[in-house]
N, C-alpha and C. Protein backbone atom coordinates (compact mmCIF):
# COMPACT_ATOMS: atom_id res chain seq x y z
N MET A 1 93.12 127.19 114.48
CA MET A 1 93.71 126.26 115.41
C MET A 1 94.87 125.57 114.70
N ARG A 2 96.02 125.46 115.35
CA ARG A 2 97.20 124.79 114.82
C ARG A 2 97.27 123.40 115.43
N ILE A 3 97.46 122.38 114.56
CA ILE A 3 97.54 120.99 115.00
C ILE A 3 98.85 120.41 114.49
N ASP A 4 99.56 119.70 115.37
CA ASP A 4 100.77 118.99 114.98
C ASP A 4 100.40 117.54 114.66
N LEU A 5 100.68 117.13 113.43
CA LEU A 5 100.39 115.77 113.00
C LEU A 5 101.69 114.97 112.95
N PRO A 6 101.70 113.78 113.57
CA PRO A 6 102.92 112.97 113.48
C PRO A 6 103.15 112.54 112.03
N TYR A 7 104.38 112.78 111.55
CA TYR A 7 104.69 112.44 110.16
C TYR A 7 106.20 112.29 110.05
N GLY A 8 106.66 111.10 109.72
CA GLY A 8 108.09 110.88 109.55
C GLY A 8 108.86 111.13 110.83
N ALA A 9 110.01 111.77 110.69
CA ALA A 9 110.89 112.01 111.83
C ALA A 9 110.42 113.16 112.72
N ARG A 10 109.60 114.04 112.18
CA ARG A 10 109.11 115.16 113.01
C ARG A 10 107.70 115.51 112.59
N PRO A 11 106.92 116.07 113.51
CA PRO A 11 105.53 116.38 113.19
C PRO A 11 105.42 117.53 112.18
N ARG A 12 104.30 117.54 111.50
CA ARG A 12 103.97 118.62 110.57
C ARG A 12 102.84 119.43 111.19
N SER A 13 103.00 120.73 111.18
CA SER A 13 101.96 121.61 111.71
C SER A 13 101.03 122.04 110.60
N VAL A 14 99.74 122.01 110.90
CA VAL A 14 98.75 122.50 109.95
C VAL A 14 97.81 123.46 110.68
N GLU A 15 97.35 124.43 109.94
CA GLU A 15 96.39 125.38 110.48
C GLU A 15 95.00 124.94 110.01
N VAL A 16 94.10 124.77 110.97
CA VAL A 16 92.74 124.31 110.66
C VAL A 16 91.77 125.38 111.12
N GLY A 17 90.87 125.76 110.22
CA GLY A 17 89.89 126.76 110.57
C GLY A 17 88.51 126.13 110.77
N GLY A 18 87.59 126.88 111.29
CA GLY A 18 86.23 126.39 111.48
C GLY A 18 86.12 125.52 112.72
N ARG A 19 85.05 124.76 112.77
CA ARG A 19 84.78 123.90 113.92
C ARG A 19 85.64 122.63 113.82
N VAL A 20 86.34 122.31 114.87
CA VAL A 20 87.26 121.17 114.87
C VAL A 20 86.98 120.29 116.06
N GLN A 21 86.96 118.99 115.83
CA GLN A 21 86.86 118.02 116.92
C GLN A 21 88.03 117.06 116.77
N LEU A 22 88.90 117.00 117.76
CA LEU A 22 90.04 116.09 117.72
C LEU A 22 89.62 114.75 118.31
N VAL A 23 89.96 113.69 117.62
CA VAL A 23 89.63 112.34 118.06
C VAL A 23 90.92 111.54 118.14
N ASP A 24 91.17 110.93 119.28
CA ASP A 24 92.35 110.08 119.44
C ASP A 24 92.05 108.69 118.92
N ALA A 25 93.03 108.11 118.23
CA ALA A 25 92.90 106.74 117.75
C ALA A 25 92.95 105.79 118.95
N PRO A 26 92.23 104.67 118.87
CA PRO A 26 92.31 103.71 119.97
C PRO A 26 93.71 103.13 120.05
N SER A 27 94.12 102.77 121.24
CA SER A 27 95.44 102.17 121.39
C SER A 27 95.41 100.74 120.85
N LEU A 28 96.52 100.33 120.28
CA LEU A 28 96.61 98.99 119.69
C LEU A 28 97.14 98.00 120.73
N PRO A 29 96.79 96.73 120.59
CA PRO A 29 97.35 95.74 121.50
C PRO A 29 98.85 95.60 121.24
N ALA A 30 99.55 95.05 122.20
CA ALA A 30 100.99 94.86 122.05
C ALA A 30 101.26 93.94 120.86
N ALA A 31 102.30 94.24 120.13
CA ALA A 31 102.67 93.42 118.98
C ALA A 31 103.18 92.06 119.42
N VAL A 32 102.86 91.05 118.64
CA VAL A 32 103.37 89.70 118.89
C VAL A 32 104.82 89.68 118.45
N PRO A 33 105.72 89.08 119.22
CA PRO A 33 107.12 89.01 118.78
C PRO A 33 107.21 88.34 117.39
N VAL A 34 108.10 88.85 116.56
CA VAL A 34 108.19 88.40 115.17
C VAL A 34 108.42 86.90 115.05
N GLY A 35 109.24 86.34 115.91
CA GLY A 35 109.48 84.89 115.86
C GLY A 35 108.22 84.09 116.10
N ARG A 36 107.43 84.52 117.07
CA ARG A 36 106.17 83.83 117.38
C ARG A 36 105.17 84.01 116.24
N ALA A 37 105.09 85.21 115.67
CA ALA A 37 104.16 85.47 114.57
C ALA A 37 104.51 84.60 113.36
N LEU A 38 105.79 84.48 113.04
CA LEU A 38 106.21 83.63 111.92
C LEU A 38 105.92 82.16 112.21
N ALA A 39 106.21 81.72 113.42
CA ALA A 39 105.94 80.32 113.78
C ALA A 39 104.46 80.01 113.66
N ASP A 40 103.62 80.91 114.14
CA ASP A 40 102.16 80.71 114.05
C ASP A 40 101.71 80.66 112.59
N ALA A 41 102.23 81.57 111.77
CA ALA A 41 101.84 81.62 110.36
C ALA A 41 102.29 80.36 109.62
N LEU A 42 103.46 79.86 109.93
CA LEU A 42 103.97 78.66 109.27
C LEU A 42 103.27 77.40 109.77
N GLU A 43 102.80 77.42 111.01
CA GLU A 43 102.06 76.27 111.54
C GLU A 43 100.68 76.15 110.92
N ARG A 44 100.05 77.30 110.67
CA ARG A 44 98.67 77.32 110.17
C ARG A 44 98.55 78.25 108.96
N PRO A 45 99.13 77.84 107.82
CA PRO A 45 99.00 78.70 106.63
C PRO A 45 97.56 78.73 106.13
N ILE A 46 97.21 79.78 105.43
CA ILE A 46 95.86 79.94 104.89
C ILE A 46 95.76 79.19 103.57
N ASP A 47 94.78 78.30 103.48
CA ASP A 47 94.49 77.55 102.24
C ASP A 47 95.69 76.80 101.68
N SER A 48 96.53 76.26 102.56
CA SER A 48 97.68 75.49 102.10
C SER A 48 98.10 74.53 103.21
N PRO A 49 98.63 73.38 102.84
CA PRO A 49 99.19 72.51 103.87
C PRO A 49 100.45 73.15 104.45
N PRO A 50 100.88 72.73 105.63
CA PRO A 50 102.13 73.24 106.20
C PRO A 50 103.33 72.91 105.30
N LEU A 51 104.40 73.67 105.46
CA LEU A 51 105.61 73.47 104.64
C LEU A 51 106.10 72.03 104.70
N GLU A 52 106.06 71.44 105.88
CA GLU A 52 106.58 70.09 106.06
C GLU A 52 105.86 69.07 105.17
N GLN A 53 104.63 69.38 104.77
CA GLN A 53 103.89 68.48 103.89
C GLN A 53 104.15 68.78 102.41
N LEU A 54 104.74 69.91 102.13
CA LEU A 54 104.97 70.32 100.74
C LEU A 54 106.38 69.98 100.24
N ALA A 55 107.33 69.83 101.14
CA ALA A 55 108.72 69.59 100.74
C ALA A 55 109.28 68.41 101.52
N ARG A 56 110.14 67.64 100.82
CA ARG A 56 110.80 66.49 101.45
C ARG A 56 112.30 66.74 101.52
N ALA A 57 112.99 65.94 102.30
CA ALA A 57 114.44 66.04 102.40
C ALA A 57 115.05 65.98 101.00
N GLY A 58 115.98 66.87 100.74
CA GLY A 58 116.65 66.90 99.45
C GLY A 58 115.98 67.78 98.42
N ASP A 59 114.71 68.15 98.61
CA ASP A 59 114.02 69.03 97.67
C ASP A 59 114.72 70.40 97.64
N ARG A 60 114.60 71.07 96.51
CA ARG A 60 115.10 72.44 96.40
C ARG A 60 113.93 73.38 96.68
N VAL A 61 114.12 74.27 97.63
CA VAL A 61 113.08 75.22 98.03
C VAL A 61 113.64 76.63 97.86
N THR A 62 112.90 77.48 97.18
CA THR A 62 113.32 78.86 96.99
C THR A 62 112.41 79.77 97.81
N VAL A 63 113.03 80.61 98.62
CA VAL A 63 112.32 81.60 99.42
C VAL A 63 112.60 82.96 98.78
N ILE A 64 111.54 83.69 98.47
CA ILE A 64 111.69 85.00 97.85
C ILE A 64 111.51 86.07 98.92
N VAL A 65 112.49 86.96 99.03
CA VAL A 65 112.42 88.05 100.01
C VAL A 65 112.60 89.37 99.27
N SER A 66 112.16 90.44 99.89
CA SER A 66 112.34 91.77 99.30
C SER A 66 113.78 92.21 99.42
N ASP A 67 114.15 93.18 98.58
CA ASP A 67 115.50 93.72 98.68
C ASP A 67 115.61 94.62 99.91
N ALA A 68 116.78 95.18 100.10
CA ALA A 68 117.06 95.95 101.32
C ALA A 68 116.27 97.25 101.42
N THR A 69 115.55 97.64 100.36
CA THR A 69 114.76 98.87 100.45
C THR A 69 113.47 98.66 101.23
N ARG A 70 113.14 97.43 101.53
CA ARG A 70 111.94 97.11 102.32
C ARG A 70 112.36 96.63 103.69
N ASP A 71 111.70 97.13 104.71
CA ASP A 71 112.01 96.73 106.08
C ASP A 71 111.16 95.51 106.43
N GLU A 72 111.76 94.35 106.39
CA GLU A 72 111.06 93.12 106.72
C GLU A 72 112.01 92.22 107.51
N PRO A 73 111.48 91.32 108.29
CA PRO A 73 112.34 90.45 109.12
C PRO A 73 112.90 89.27 108.32
N ARG A 74 113.73 89.57 107.31
CA ARG A 74 114.26 88.52 106.43
C ARG A 74 114.99 87.43 107.20
N ALA A 75 115.87 87.83 108.10
CA ALA A 75 116.65 86.83 108.85
C ALA A 75 115.74 85.94 109.67
N HIS A 76 114.72 86.51 110.29
CA HIS A 76 113.78 85.71 111.08
C HIS A 76 113.01 84.74 110.18
N LEU A 77 112.57 85.23 109.01
CA LEU A 77 111.83 84.38 108.09
C LEU A 77 112.68 83.19 107.63
N LEU A 78 113.91 83.47 107.22
CA LEU A 78 114.77 82.39 106.75
C LEU A 78 115.09 81.40 107.86
N ALA A 79 115.30 81.89 109.07
CA ALA A 79 115.55 80.99 110.21
C ALA A 79 114.33 80.12 110.49
N ALA A 80 113.14 80.69 110.40
CA ALA A 80 111.91 79.92 110.66
C ALA A 80 111.70 78.84 109.60
N VAL A 81 111.96 79.17 108.34
CA VAL A 81 111.82 78.19 107.26
C VAL A 81 112.87 77.10 107.43
N ARG A 82 114.10 77.49 107.70
CA ARG A 82 115.17 76.51 107.88
C ARG A 82 114.87 75.57 109.06
N ALA A 83 114.29 76.10 110.14
CA ALA A 83 113.95 75.26 111.29
C ALA A 83 112.89 74.23 110.93
N ARG A 84 111.97 74.58 110.06
CA ARG A 84 110.89 73.65 109.67
C ARG A 84 111.32 72.70 108.57
N LEU A 85 112.28 73.13 107.76
CA LEU A 85 112.73 72.31 106.63
C LEU A 85 114.26 72.17 106.67
N PRO A 86 114.79 71.50 107.68
CA PRO A 86 116.25 71.46 107.83
C PRO A 86 116.97 70.66 106.75
N ALA A 87 116.29 69.76 106.07
CA ALA A 87 116.97 68.87 105.13
C ALA A 87 116.74 69.23 103.67
N VAL A 88 116.21 70.42 103.38
CA VAL A 88 116.02 70.83 101.99
C VAL A 88 117.22 71.65 101.53
N ARG A 89 117.35 71.78 100.21
CA ARG A 89 118.37 72.66 99.64
C ARG A 89 117.70 74.02 99.47
N LEU A 90 118.05 74.95 100.34
CA LEU A 90 117.39 76.25 100.40
C LEU A 90 118.10 77.26 99.51
N ALA A 91 117.33 77.91 98.64
CA ALA A 91 117.84 79.01 97.82
C ALA A 91 117.06 80.26 98.19
N VAL A 92 117.71 81.39 98.12
CA VAL A 92 117.06 82.66 98.44
C VAL A 92 117.11 83.54 97.19
N ALA A 93 115.95 84.05 96.79
CA ALA A 93 115.87 84.97 95.66
C ALA A 93 115.48 86.33 96.20
N ILE A 94 116.17 87.36 95.74
CA ILE A 94 115.92 88.73 96.18
C ILE A 94 115.05 89.41 95.13
N ALA A 95 113.86 89.84 95.56
CA ALA A 95 112.95 90.55 94.66
C ALA A 95 113.24 92.04 94.76
N THR A 96 113.30 92.68 93.61
CA THR A 96 113.55 94.13 93.62
C THR A 96 112.32 94.86 93.14
């Protein structure tokens, strides 16, 4: 039996012998919009007070983001932090 497996830009075909049972993965719920997910995470951080309690106006805050080889919503993250901490001196460090 030949099965096409989704992989990258195009499926990969594999030949499978013997007894085979195909099982479909359950469908996932719709993704939460990135802005809402970031707002929720910043409102209720795990084991930490909210950002607003950690930094005051004039404080220097460094946000570390991945370099361009990682697909992450950097612009959304920085906008969300800036919205919560408008009066801090924000620095961005790029992790490679």
